[in-house]
Every structure is written in C-alpha cells, then in structure tokens.
Amino acid sequence: MHAQTPLPDPAHGDGAVSSPLARSGVAALAVAAGTALLGVAAGFGWAAVAPRPLLVMTAPGAAELVNSETSAFIAADAAFCLVALAGGVLSGVLGYLLAVRRHGPLAMAGLLAGALAAAFVTRWVGERSGLAGFHHLLATLPAGARLRDTLTLGASGALAFWPLAAGLAAGALELLLSPGRHRAARGAHAAGARYLDGPAGGRGASID
C-alpha cells in the first residue's frame, strides 16, 4: 500500500508561489536586477560626459600628464555623482511605483541593494569604456604624441550617491502617497463598522 502525498490546494493558499511573502520576494529580486542593469547605461553615460586628462608619450608604452594640476580628475568624479544621482532618482521612482508601493519593505530592500549594485556597475563599465583602444595607442604611438587617459573614479564615496538618491526618491513618494492610502483604509474600516452595527445601531444580532 503506497501513501499518497497530498497536493497543495490553491483554494486554501497552500501554494508557495501564491503566498504574499513569495510574491514580495520575487518583486524584490526583480527590482534589484532591473536597477543593477540600469547601471550599464549609466556607465556608458558617465564615460561619454566625463573629461579625461591629456597625456603625452615619453617612450614606447609610457606616458605622463601634460598638466599635473589638471582638474579633469575632480570633474570626472563630479560627473559620476551627477549620473549616480540621476540614476538613483529614476530607479527610486520606478522601483517604488512598480514594486515598493505594492510589496512593501522587502521590495524596498531589493531596490536599495540593486541601487548599490548599479553604482558599482556604473564605475566598472565607465572605467573599462575605451580601455582597449587606450592600451593600443599607448603601445603604438611615438614619443611626443598626445592621447587621453583612461577614466577612473577617484572618490569611492561617490558610490553612495545612487542608493541614497533611490532611497530618498522612494521615501518621498511614500510620504506623498501614503496619506491617501491611509484615509482610504480608515474609510473602509468605518464602513465595515457601520455595516456590523446594523440599521438599529446595535452590534451583532441578538438570539432569544
């Protein structure tokens, strides 16, 4: 005689996929992955707008700065901060509207984790953009020729701008939209209380 394993009954909510926690977990993973992927576009954007210092070839395979007091390094870090702030605001707004508003704290945690990952992805993509071409020029240009240096993020603290902006954007939307939701919830509660009170004002039904 073989024992049969009972199958989950969808009507009683036994399926793991149908549970609110599972749906929130899926939403958190989705918003984290989507936000991290946004860092790829941000990295190419940073590489496109950030200035790069000018180098002069001193020997085959060696180069040095034309101007040792150049402000290009500071400007590149500032450009990263602006790109990260814009990406953080965009991902915070979209993440809140698509996931956090419905699934709550777990989706918010996914948004912040994805935002931090997006900052690292932005730096990785930006610093490697044009890297192969730079090494080719460094190996082939003669002494005295000039070329642009690779892009490097000097201030690692700038990585915090993306998750900070995402958290502030999502938090601001929650503050703006939550009062309406709370009023709706209080209205529904009051309507339920009036329904239970009945037309005569007594709570419940009496049994003689």
Protein backbone atom coordinates (compact mmCIF):
# COMPACT_ATOMS: atom_id res chain seq x y z
CA MET A 1 0.00 0.00 0.00
CA HIS A 2 1.53 3.30 -1.09
CA ALA A 3 0.95 6.53 0.80
CA GLN A 4 -0.05 9.41 -1.37
CA THR A 5 1.35 12.87 -0.76
CA PRO A 6 -1.45 15.45 -0.70
CA LEU A 7 -1.14 18.15 -3.29
CA PRO A 8 -1.44 21.79 -2.24
CA ASP A 9 -4.94 23.14 -2.54
CA PRO A 10 -4.93 26.50 -4.36
CA ALA A 11 -8.25 27.37 -2.74
CA HIS A 12 -6.64 27.30 0.70
CA GLY A 13 -3.49 29.20 -0.35
CA ASP A 14 -1.10 26.28 0.18
CA GLY A 15 0.95 27.03 -2.96
CA ALA A 16 4.23 28.78 -2.18
CA VAL A 17 4.03 30.99 -5.25
CA SER A 18 0.65 32.34 -4.20
CA SER A 19 1.84 33.46 -0.77
CA PRO A 20 2.34 37.21 -0.24
CA LEU A 21 5.89 36.63 1.05
CA ALA A 22 6.87 34.74 -2.10
CA ARG A 23 5.40 37.44 -4.33
CA SER A 24 7.25 40.11 -2.36
CA GLY A 25 10.49 38.14 -2.71
CA VAL A 26 10.06 37.85 -6.46
CA ALA A 27 9.33 41.58 -6.68
CA ALA A 28 12.43 42.37 -4.61
CA LEU A 29 14.65 40.28 -6.87
CA ALA A 30 13.12 41.80 -9.99
CA VAL A 31 13.57 45.40 -8.85
CA ALA A 32 17.13 44.67 -7.69
CA ALA A 33 18.07 43.12 -11.04
CA GLY A 34 16.42 45.88 -13.05
CA THR A 35 18.12 48.61 -11.05
CA ALA A 36 21.52 46.94 -11.35
CA LEU A 37 21.11 46.67 -15.12
CA LEU A 38 20.39 50.39 -15.26
CA GLY A 39 23.97 50.84 -14.13
CA VAL A 40 25.19 49.60 -17.54
CA ALA A 41 23.56 52.53 -19.33
CA ALA A 42 24.76 54.89 -16.61
CA GLY A 43 28.33 53.65 -17.04
CA PHE A 44 28.33 54.44 -20.75
CA GLY A 45 26.75 57.80 -19.97
CA TRP A 46 29.48 58.60 -17.46
CA ALA A 47 32.16 57.62 -19.97
CA ALA A 48 30.56 59.88 -22.57
CA VAL A 49 30.38 63.05 -20.45
CA ALA A 50 33.35 62.77 -18.08
CA PRO A 51 36.53 64.66 -19.06
CA ARG A 52 39.82 62.77 -19.25
CA PRO A 53 43.26 64.24 -18.62
CA LEU A 54 45.64 64.71 -21.54
CA LEU A 55 48.81 62.58 -21.65
CA VAL A 56 52.00 62.90 -23.66
CA MET A 57 54.04 59.90 -24.75
CA THR A 58 57.52 59.86 -23.20
CA ALA A 59 58.63 56.49 -24.53
CA PRO A 60 57.04 53.44 -26.20
CA GLY A 61 54.40 52.21 -23.76
CA ALA A 62 54.89 55.11 -21.30
CA ALA A 63 53.09 58.43 -20.92
CA GLU A 64 52.71 61.20 -18.36
CA LEU A 65 50.33 64.06 -17.66
CA VAL A 66 50.69 67.17 -19.78
CA ASN A 67 49.40 69.27 -16.87
CA SER A 68 49.94 67.77 -13.42
CA GLU A 69 47.47 70.27 -11.92
CA THR A 70 44.59 69.33 -14.21
CA SER A 71 41.08 69.39 -12.80
CA ALA A 72 39.92 66.56 -15.06
CA PHE A 73 40.04 64.01 -12.22
CA ILE A 74 37.76 66.10 -10.00
CA ALA A 75 35.43 66.81 -12.91
CA ALA A 76 35.21 63.09 -13.69
CA ASP A 77 34.21 62.34 -10.10
CA ALA A 78 31.63 65.14 -10.20
CA ALA A 79 30.21 63.73 -13.42
CA PHE A 80 29.89 60.32 -11.77
CA CYS A 81 28.00 61.87 -8.85
CA LEU A 82 25.55 63.58 -11.20
CA VAL A 83 24.99 60.39 -13.20
CA ALA A 84 24.51 58.41 -10.00
CA LEU A 85 22.05 60.95 -8.61
CA ALA A 86 20.01 60.90 -11.82
CA GLY A 87 20.05 57.09 -11.91
CA GLY A 88 19.10 56.91 -8.25
CA VAL A 89 16.12 59.22 -8.65
CA LEU A 90 14.93 57.36 -11.75
CA SER A 91 15.30 53.91 -10.21
CA GLY A 92 13.76 55.08 -6.93
CA VAL A 93 10.65 56.44 -8.66
CA LEU A 94 10.21 53.44 -10.96
CA GLY A 95 11.03 50.94 -8.22
CA TYR A 96 8.51 52.50 -5.88
CA LEU A 97 5.71 52.68 -8.42
CA LEU A 98 6.29 49.18 -9.81
CA ALA A 99 7.21 47.23 -6.69
CA VAL A 100 7.68 49.02 -3.36
CA ARG A 101 4.23 50.60 -3.29
CA ARG A 102 2.59 47.19 -3.57
CA HIS A 103 5.04 44.81 -1.88
CA GLY A 104 6.43 46.97 0.90
CA PRO A 105 9.70 46.67 2.88
CA LEU A 106 11.09 43.58 1.13
CA ALA A 107 10.81 45.26 -2.27
CA MET A 108 12.39 48.39 -0.77
CA ALA A 109 15.35 46.32 0.39
CA GLY A 110 15.68 44.93 -3.12
CA LEU A 111 15.60 48.45 -4.54
CA LEU A 112 18.41 49.63 -2.26
CA ALA A 113 20.51 46.53 -2.93
CA GLY A 114 20.06 46.98 -6.66
CA ALA A 115 20.93 50.68 -6.36
CA LEU A 116 24.23 49.88 -4.64
CA ALA A 117 24.99 47.26 -7.28
CA ALA A 118 24.13 49.78 -10.02
CA ALA A 119 26.72 52.20 -8.63
CA PHE A 120 29.45 49.56 -8.83
CA VAL A 121 28.29 48.53 -12.32
CA THR A 122 28.44 52.17 -13.43
CA ARG A 123 32.03 52.51 -12.24
CA TRP A 124 33.06 49.18 -13.80
CA VAL A 125 31.52 49.96 -17.20
CA GLY A 126 32.78 53.55 -17.25
CA GLU A 127 36.35 52.71 -16.30
CA ARG A 128 36.57 50.00 -18.97
CA SER A 129 34.96 52.02 -21.71
CA GLY A 130 37.66 52.66 -24.34
CA LEU A 131 40.29 50.80 -22.30
CA ALA A 132 41.33 48.53 -25.18
CA GLY A 133 41.81 51.49 -27.52
CA PHE A 134 43.88 53.32 -24.92
CA HIS A 135 46.27 50.38 -24.50
CA HIS A 136 46.59 50.09 -28.26
CA LEU A 137 47.54 53.76 -28.59
CA LEU A 138 49.91 53.52 -25.64
CA ALA A 139 51.74 50.67 -27.35
CA THR A 140 51.89 52.19 -30.84
CA LEU A 141 52.19 55.99 -30.57
CA PRO A 142 55.63 57.57 -30.83
CA ALA A 143 57.24 59.77 -28.19
CA GLY A 144 55.75 63.25 -28.09
CA ALA A 145 52.30 62.15 -29.26
CA ARG A 146 49.31 63.02 -27.10
CA LEU A 147 46.32 60.95 -26.01
CA ARG A 148 43.55 60.95 -23.43
CA ASP A 149 43.94 58.97 -20.22
CA THR A 150 41.55 56.26 -19.07
CA LEU A 151 38.60 57.13 -16.84
CA THR A 152 38.97 56.42 -13.12
CA LEU A 153 36.72 57.16 -10.16
CA GLY A 154 38.94 58.69 -7.51
CA ALA A 155 36.36 59.20 -4.76
CA SER A 156 34.88 55.83 -3.78
CA GLY A 157 32.38 57.61 -1.56
CA ALA A 158 30.57 58.71 -4.71
CA LEU A 159 29.21 55.16 -4.97
CA ALA A 160 26.80 56.01 -2.14
CA PHE A 161 25.02 58.65 -4.23
CA TRP A 162 22.94 56.11 -6.18
CA PRO A 163 21.38 54.20 -3.22
CA LEU A 164 20.97 57.47 -1.30
CA ALA A 165 19.06 59.10 -4.15
CA ALA A 166 16.97 55.96 -4.73
CA GLY A 167 16.01 55.74 -1.06
CA LEU A 168 15.12 59.43 -0.84
CA ALA A 169 13.05 59.31 -4.02
CA ALA A 170 11.11 56.24 -2.90
CA GLY A 171 10.67 57.67 0.60
CA ALA A 172 9.37 60.97 -0.75
CA LEU A 173 6.79 59.18 -2.88
CA GLU A 174 5.70 57.13 0.12
CA LEU A 175 5.17 60.30 2.13
CA LEU A 176 3.19 61.87 -0.69
CA LEU A 177 1.02 58.87 -1.49
CA SER A 178 0.60 57.15 1.86
CA PRO A 179 -1.84 59.71 3.38
CA GLY A 180 -4.38 58.91 0.68
CA ARG A 181 -3.96 55.19 1.23
CA HIS A 182 -4.37 55.60 4.98
CA ARG A 183 -7.53 57.65 4.54
CA ALA A 184 -8.94 55.00 2.23
CA ALA A 185 -8.13 52.30 4.77
CA ARG A 186 -9.79 54.28 7.56
CA GLY A 187 -12.85 54.84 5.35
CA ALA A 188 -13.10 51.12 4.62
CA HIS A 189 -12.79 50.34 8.32
CA ALA A 190 -15.52 52.84 9.20
CA ALA A 191 -17.81 51.41 6.51
CA GLY A 192 -17.26 47.93 7.89
CA ALA A 193 -18.06 49.12 11.39
CA ARG A 194 -21.31 50.73 10.22
CA TYR A 195 -22.26 47.53 8.44
CA LEU A 196 -21.69 45.47 11.59
CA ASP A 197 -23.65 47.94 13.71
CA GLY A 198 -26.71 47.46 11.52
CA PRO A 199 -29.57 49.86 10.91
CA ALA A 200 -30.73 49.79 14.50
CA GLY A 201 -27.32 50.78 15.86
CA GLY A 202 -26.82 47.53 17.78
CA ARG A 203 -23.68 45.46 17.22
CA GLY A 204 -24.36 41.95 16.08
CA ALA A 205 -27.64 40.05 16.21
CA SER A 206 -29.41 39.00 19.38
CA ILE A 207 -30.71 35.45 19.87
CA ASP A 208 -33.75 34.93 22.09
